[in-house]
C-alpha atoms as a PDB file:
ATOM      1  CA  MET A   1       7.839   4.495 -20.899  1.00  0.00           C
ATOM      2  CA  ILE A   2       5.723   3.824 -23.972  1.00  0.00           C
ATOM      3  CA  LYS A   3       8.882   3.088 -25.986  1.00  0.00           C
ATOM      4  CA  ASP A   4      10.133   0.758 -23.236  1.00  0.00           C
ATOM      5  CA  THR A   5       6.906  -1.198 -22.717  1.00  0.00           C
ATOM      6  CA  GLY A   6       5.185  -0.963 -26.115  1.00  0.00           C
ATOM      7  CA  VAL A   7       1.826  -0.356 -24.408  1.00  0.00           C
ATOM      8  CA  CYS A   8      -0.163   2.576 -23.065  1.00  0.00           C
ATOM      9  CA  ASN A   9      -3.624   3.589 -21.927  1.00  0.00           C
ATOM     10  CA  VAL A  10      -5.662   6.632 -22.938  1.00  0.00           C
ATOM     11  CA  SER A  11      -8.294   7.997 -20.552  1.00  0.00           C
ATOM     12  CA  ALA A  12     -11.184   9.992 -22.033  1.00  0.00           C
ATOM     13  CA  ILE A  13     -11.809  13.071 -19.875  1.00  0.00           C
ATOM     14  CA  SER A  14     -15.446  13.749 -19.002  1.00  0.00           C
ATOM     15  CA  LYS A  15     -17.354  16.906 -18.129  1.00  0.00           C
ATOM     16  CA  ASP A  16     -17.070  15.799 -14.476  1.00  0.00           C
ATOM     17  CA  ALA A  17     -13.329  16.550 -14.513  1.00  0.00           C
ATOM     18  CA  GLY A  18     -12.037  19.430 -12.420  1.00  0.00           C
ATOM     19  CA  PHE A  19      -9.230  21.818 -13.297  1.00  0.00           C
ATOM     20  CA  ASP A  20      -6.883  19.919 -10.945  1.00  0.00           C
ATOM     21  CA  LEU A  21      -6.979  16.908 -13.295  1.00  0.00           C
ATOM     22  CA  PHE A  22      -5.814  19.107 -16.182  1.00  0.00           C
ATOM     23  CA  LYS A  23      -3.125  20.708 -14.016  1.00  0.00           C
ATOM     24  CA  HIS A  24      -1.844  17.384 -12.695  1.00  0.00           C
ATOM     25  CA  PHE A  25      -1.637  15.567 -16.033  1.00  0.00           C
ATOM     26  CA  GLY A  26      -1.285  18.447 -18.483  1.00  0.00           C
ATOM     27  CA  PHE A  27       0.901  21.093 -16.869  1.00  0.00           C
ATOM     28  CA  GLN A  28       3.842  18.907 -15.870  1.00  0.00           C
ATOM     29  CA  SER A  29       6.001  16.360 -17.615  1.00  0.00           C
ATOM     30  CA  GLY A  30       6.181  12.689 -16.720  1.00  0.00           C
ATOM     31  CA  ARG A  31       9.943  13.087 -17.103  1.00  0.00           C
ATOM     32  CA  ASP A  32       9.910  15.292 -13.996  1.00  0.00           C
ATOM     33  CA  VAL A  33       6.983  13.925 -11.963  1.00  0.00           C
ATOM     34  CA  ASP A  34       5.546  10.479 -11.256  1.00  0.00           C
ATOM     35  CA  LYS A  35       1.972  11.392 -12.166  1.00  0.00           C
ATOM     36  CA  PHE A  36       0.607   8.307 -10.406  1.00  0.00           C
ATOM     37  CA  GLY A  37       2.930   8.725  -7.423  1.00  0.00           C
ATOM     38  CA  ALA A  38       2.337   9.609  -3.800  1.00  0.00           C
ATOM     39  CA  ASP A  39       0.807  13.017  -4.562  1.00  0.00           C
ATOM     40  CA  TYR A  40      -2.011  11.487  -6.647  1.00  0.00           C
ATOM     41  CA  ASP A  41      -4.663   9.654  -4.612  1.00  0.00           C
ATOM     42  CA  ALA A  42      -4.893   5.965  -5.571  1.00  0.00           C
ATOM     43  CA  PHE A  43      -8.697   6.324  -5.365  1.00  0.00           C
ATOM     44  CA  ASN A  44      -8.519   8.273  -8.670  1.00  0.00           C
ATOM     45  CA  TYR A  45      -6.978   5.520 -10.802  1.00  0.00           C
ATOM     46  CA  ALA A  46      -6.761   1.783 -11.385  1.00  0.00           C
ATOM     47  CA  ILE A  47      -4.310  -0.568 -13.072  1.00  0.00           C
ATOM     48  CA  ALA A  48      -5.450  -2.152 -16.348  1.00  0.00           C
ATOM     49  CA  GLU A  49      -4.711  -5.727 -17.402  1.00  0.00           C
ATOM     50  CA  ASN A  50      -1.731  -4.436 -19.408  1.00  0.00           C
ATOM     51  CA  GLY A  51      -0.156  -3.232 -16.130  1.00  0.00           C
ATOM     52  CA  VAL A  52      -0.553   0.469 -16.963  1.00  0.00           C
ATOM     53  CA  PRO A  53      -2.626   2.891 -14.842  1.00  0.00           C
ATOM     54  CA  TYR A  54      -5.752   4.595 -16.184  1.00  0.00           C
ATOM     55  CA  ILE A  55      -7.663   7.477 -14.630  1.00  0.00           C
ATOM     56  CA  THR A  56     -11.047   6.631 -13.104  1.00  0.00           C
ATOM     57  CA  SER A  57     -12.024   9.987 -11.588  1.00  0.00           C
ATOM     58  CA  GLY A  58     -13.159  12.662 -14.065  1.00  0.00           C
ATOM     59  CA  THR A  59     -13.111  10.270 -17.013  1.00  0.00           C
ATOM     60  CA  ASN A  60     -15.771   8.323 -18.879  1.00  0.00           C
ATOM     61  CA  ALA A  61     -13.761   5.646 -20.728  1.00  0.00           C
ATOM     62  CA  TYR A  62     -10.306   4.292 -21.296  1.00  0.00           C
ATOM     63  CA  PHE A  63      -8.490   2.476 -24.081  1.00  0.00           C
ATOM     64  CA  SER A  64      -5.574   0.069 -23.747  1.00  0.00           C
ATOM     65  CA  LEU A  65      -3.244   0.246 -26.738  1.00  0.00           C
ATOM     66  CA  LYS A  66      -0.360  -1.773 -28.150  1.00  0.00           C
ATOM     67  CA  VAL A  67       2.284   0.112 -30.142  1.00  0.00           C
ATOM     68  CA  GLU A  68       2.449  -1.088 -33.744  1.00  0.00           C
ATOM     69  CA  GLN A  69       4.757   1.594 -35.144  1.00  0.00           C
ATOM     70  CA  GLU A  70       6.861   4.551 -33.958  1.00  0.00           C
ATOM     71  CA  VAL A  71       7.452   7.636 -36.105  1.00  0.00           C
ATOM     72  CA  ASP A  72      10.254  10.013 -35.101  1.00  0.00           C
ATOM     73  CA  LEU A  73       9.040  13.599 -35.540  1.00  0.00           C
ATOM     74  CA  GLY A  74      12.240  15.199 -34.268  1.00  0.00           C
ATOM     75  CA  SER A  75      11.055  16.713 -30.995  1.00  0.00           C
ATOM     76  CA  HIS A  76       8.338  14.070 -30.473  1.00  0.00           C
ATOM     77  CA  THR A  77       7.553  10.454 -31.268  1.00  0.00           C
ATOM     78  CA  LEU A  78       4.229   9.521 -32.868  1.00  0.00           C
ATOM     79  CA  PHE A  79       2.970   6.149 -31.677  1.00  0.00           C
ATOM     80  CA  ILE A  80       0.623   4.292 -33.997  1.00  0.00           C
ATOM     81  CA  CYS A  81      -1.300   1.827 -31.870  1.00  0.00           C
ATOM     82  CA  GLU A  82      -3.799  -0.992 -32.039  1.00  0.00           C
ATOM     83  CA  PRO A  83      -6.560  -1.026 -29.409  1.00  0.00           C
ATOM     84  CA  THR A  84      -6.442  -4.151 -27.248  1.00  0.00           C
ATOM     85  CA  PHE A  85      -9.184  -3.235 -24.785  1.00  0.00           C
ATOM     86  CA  MET A  86     -11.673  -0.441 -24.216  1.00  0.00           C
ATOM     87  CA  THR A  87     -14.506   0.191 -21.802  1.00  0.00           C
ATOM     88  CA  VAL A  88     -16.997   2.838 -20.753  1.00  0.00           C
ATOM     89  CA  LEU A  89     -16.620   4.031 -17.141  1.00  0.00           C
ATOM     90  CA  SER A  90     -19.587   6.434 -17.003  1.00  0.00           C
ATOM     91  CA  ASP A  91     -22.292   7.909 -19.206  1.00  0.00           C
ATOM     92  CA  THR A  92     -21.146  11.502 -18.572  1.00  0.00           C
ATOM     93  CA  SER A  93     -20.377  13.333 -21.825  1.00  0.00           C
ATOM     94  CA  SER A  94     -16.775  13.792 -22.892  1.00  0.00           C
ATOM     95  CA  CYS A  95     -15.060  17.082 -22.266  1.00  0.00           C
ATOM     96  CA  THR A  96     -14.438  19.024 -25.459  1.00  0.00           C
ATOM     97  CA  TYR A  97     -11.848  21.779 -25.774  1.00  0.00           C
ATOM     98  CA  GLU A  98     -14.685  24.313 -25.917  1.00  0.00           C
ATOM     99  CA  TYR A  99     -16.223  22.933 -22.708  1.00  0.00           C
ATOM    100  CA  TYR A 100     -12.816  23.073 -21.003  1.00  0.00           C
ATOM    101  CA  GLN A 101     -12.306  26.709 -22.062  1.00  0.00           C
ATOM    102  CA  ASN A 102     -15.817  27.842 -21.070  1.00  0.00           C
ATOM    103  CA  ASP A 103     -16.644  25.702 -18.038  1.00  0.00           C
ATOM    104  CA  ILE A 104     -13.525  24.240 -16.406  1.00  0.00           C
ATOM    105  CA  LYS A 105     -10.537  26.530 -16.948  1.00  0.00           C
ATOM    106  CA  PRO A 106     -10.509  29.242 -14.268  1.00  0.00           C
ATOM    107  CA  LYS A 107     -11.373  32.704 -15.517  1.00  0.00           C
ATOM    108  CA  PRO A 108      -8.807  35.433 -14.833  1.00  0.00           C
ATOM    109  CA  GLU A 109     -10.029  38.276 -12.672  1.00  0.00           C
ATOM    110  CA  ALA A 110      -7.627  41.020 -13.730  1.00  0.00           C
ATOM    111  CA  VAL A 111      -8.652  43.701 -16.203  1.00  0.00           C
ATOM    112  CA  GLY A 112      -5.215  44.825 -17.391  1.00  0.00           C
ATOM    113  CA  THR A 113      -3.810  46.753 -14.470  1.00  0.00           C
ATOM    114  CA  THR A 114      -3.844  46.507 -10.715  1.00  0.00           C
ATOM    115  CA  PRO A 115      -5.378  49.208  -8.505  1.00  0.00           C
ATOM    116  CA  LYS A 116      -1.847  50.650  -8.279  1.00  0.00           C
ATOM    117  CA  GLY A 117      -1.663  50.889 -12.101  1.00  0.00           C
ATOM    118  CA  GLU A 118       0.767  47.980 -12.560  1.00  0.00           C
ATOM    119  CA  THR A 119       0.649  45.959 -15.788  1.00  0.00           C
ATOM    120  CA  VAL A 120      -0.739  42.398 -15.726  1.00  0.00           C
ATOM    121  CA  TRP A 121       0.495  39.562 -17.966  1.00  0.00           C
ATOM    122  CA  ARG A 122      -1.672  36.424 -18.427  1.00  0.00           C
ATOM    123  CA  CYS A 123      -0.533  32.928 -19.420  1.00  0.00           C
ATOM    124  CA  LEU A 124      -2.518  31.805 -22.467  1.00  0.00           C
ATOM    125  CA  ILE A 125      -2.158  28.169 -21.393  1.00  0.00           C
ATOM    126  CA  CYS A 126      -3.305  28.116 -17.754  1.00  0.00           C
ATOM    127  CA  GLY A 127      -4.492  31.649 -16.977  1.00  0.00           C
ATOM    128  CA  TYR A 128      -1.787  32.454 -14.389  1.00  0.00           C
ATOM    129  CA  GLU A 129      -1.293  36.202 -14.009  1.00  0.00           C
ATOM    130  CA  TRP A 130       1.979  38.006 -13.312  1.00  0.00           C
ATOM    131  CA  VAL A 131       2.203  41.661 -12.306  1.00  0.00           C
ATOM    132  CA  GLY A 132       5.027  43.871 -13.605  1.00  0.00           C
ATOM    133  CA  GLU A 133       5.806  46.306 -16.386  1.00  0.00           C
ATOM    134  CA  GLU A 134       7.896  43.911 -18.485  1.00  0.00           C
ATOM    135  CA  LEU A 135       7.877  40.139 -18.347  1.00  0.00           C
ATOM    136  CA  PRO A 136      11.511  38.908 -18.103  1.00  0.00           C
ATOM    137  CA  ASP A 137      12.765  37.130 -21.258  1.00  0.00           C
ATOM    138  CA  ASP A 138      13.587  33.979 -19.271  1.00  0.00           C
ATOM    139  CA  PHE A 139      10.237  33.947 -17.418  1.00  0.00           C
ATOM    140  CA  ILE A 140       8.638  30.506 -16.967  1.00  0.00           C
ATOM    141  CA  CYS A 141       5.051  30.154 -15.746  1.00  0.00           C
ATOM    142  CA  PRO A 142       5.107  28.692 -12.219  1.00  0.00           C
ATOM    143  CA  ILE A 143       1.888  26.743 -12.893  1.00  0.00           C
ATOM    144  CA  CYS A 144       2.235  25.196 -16.375  1.00  0.00           C
ATOM    145  CA  LYS A 145       5.954  25.827 -17.062  1.00  0.00           C
ATOM    146  CA  HIS A 146       5.365  27.642 -20.374  1.00  0.00           C
ATOM    147  CA  PRO A 147       7.721  30.472 -21.451  1.00  0.00           C
ATOM    148  CA  LYS A 148       7.221  34.213 -21.933  1.00  0.00           C
ATOM    149  CA  ALA A 149       6.008  33.629 -25.505  1.00  0.00           C
ATOM    150  CA  ASP A 150       2.801  32.110 -24.089  1.00  0.00           C
ATOM    151  CA  PHE A 151       1.865  35.257 -22.111  1.00  0.00           C
ATOM    152  CA  GLU A 152      -0.268  38.177 -23.236  1.00  0.00           C
ATOM    153  CA  LYS A 153      -0.176  41.708 -21.899  1.00  0.00           C
ATOM    154  CA  LEU A 154      -3.617  42.636 -20.671  1.00  0.00           C
ATOM    155  CA  ILE A 155      -4.777  45.975 -21.995  1.00  0.00           C
ATOM    156  CA  ARG A 156      -7.423  48.040 -20.239  1.00  0.00           C
END
């Protein structure tokens, strides 16, 4: 969509954000899901003057950007943009990666094995836990859609 329109918005996530915001926008692709569709309450976002939505709930600012240059990185495109508008939505501090890890991301409860002695595997991305001796090679996390390579075997 950014390639098609030449514009985008960036919402700055605040410490008020809940894990659901990260799940909704971070653990699924816009190619597969309309992130501002029927399953996302319209109370949580607004439409900027550039016609693009920005998140209002769990954020403290947003930036409207105009694409000046595209750089093809093979598997991704880097967009170099010029800000056209920006505003502060709240005075709540921004959420850092450390704050997300320590205060927002759910903590796993397993300690390596179940009471029956079964092995537990944990997704390093979202914390989902799967029980079984060996994680199948084609396993995909049902929460964040990451592969087996992003799981760790919990050791007691």
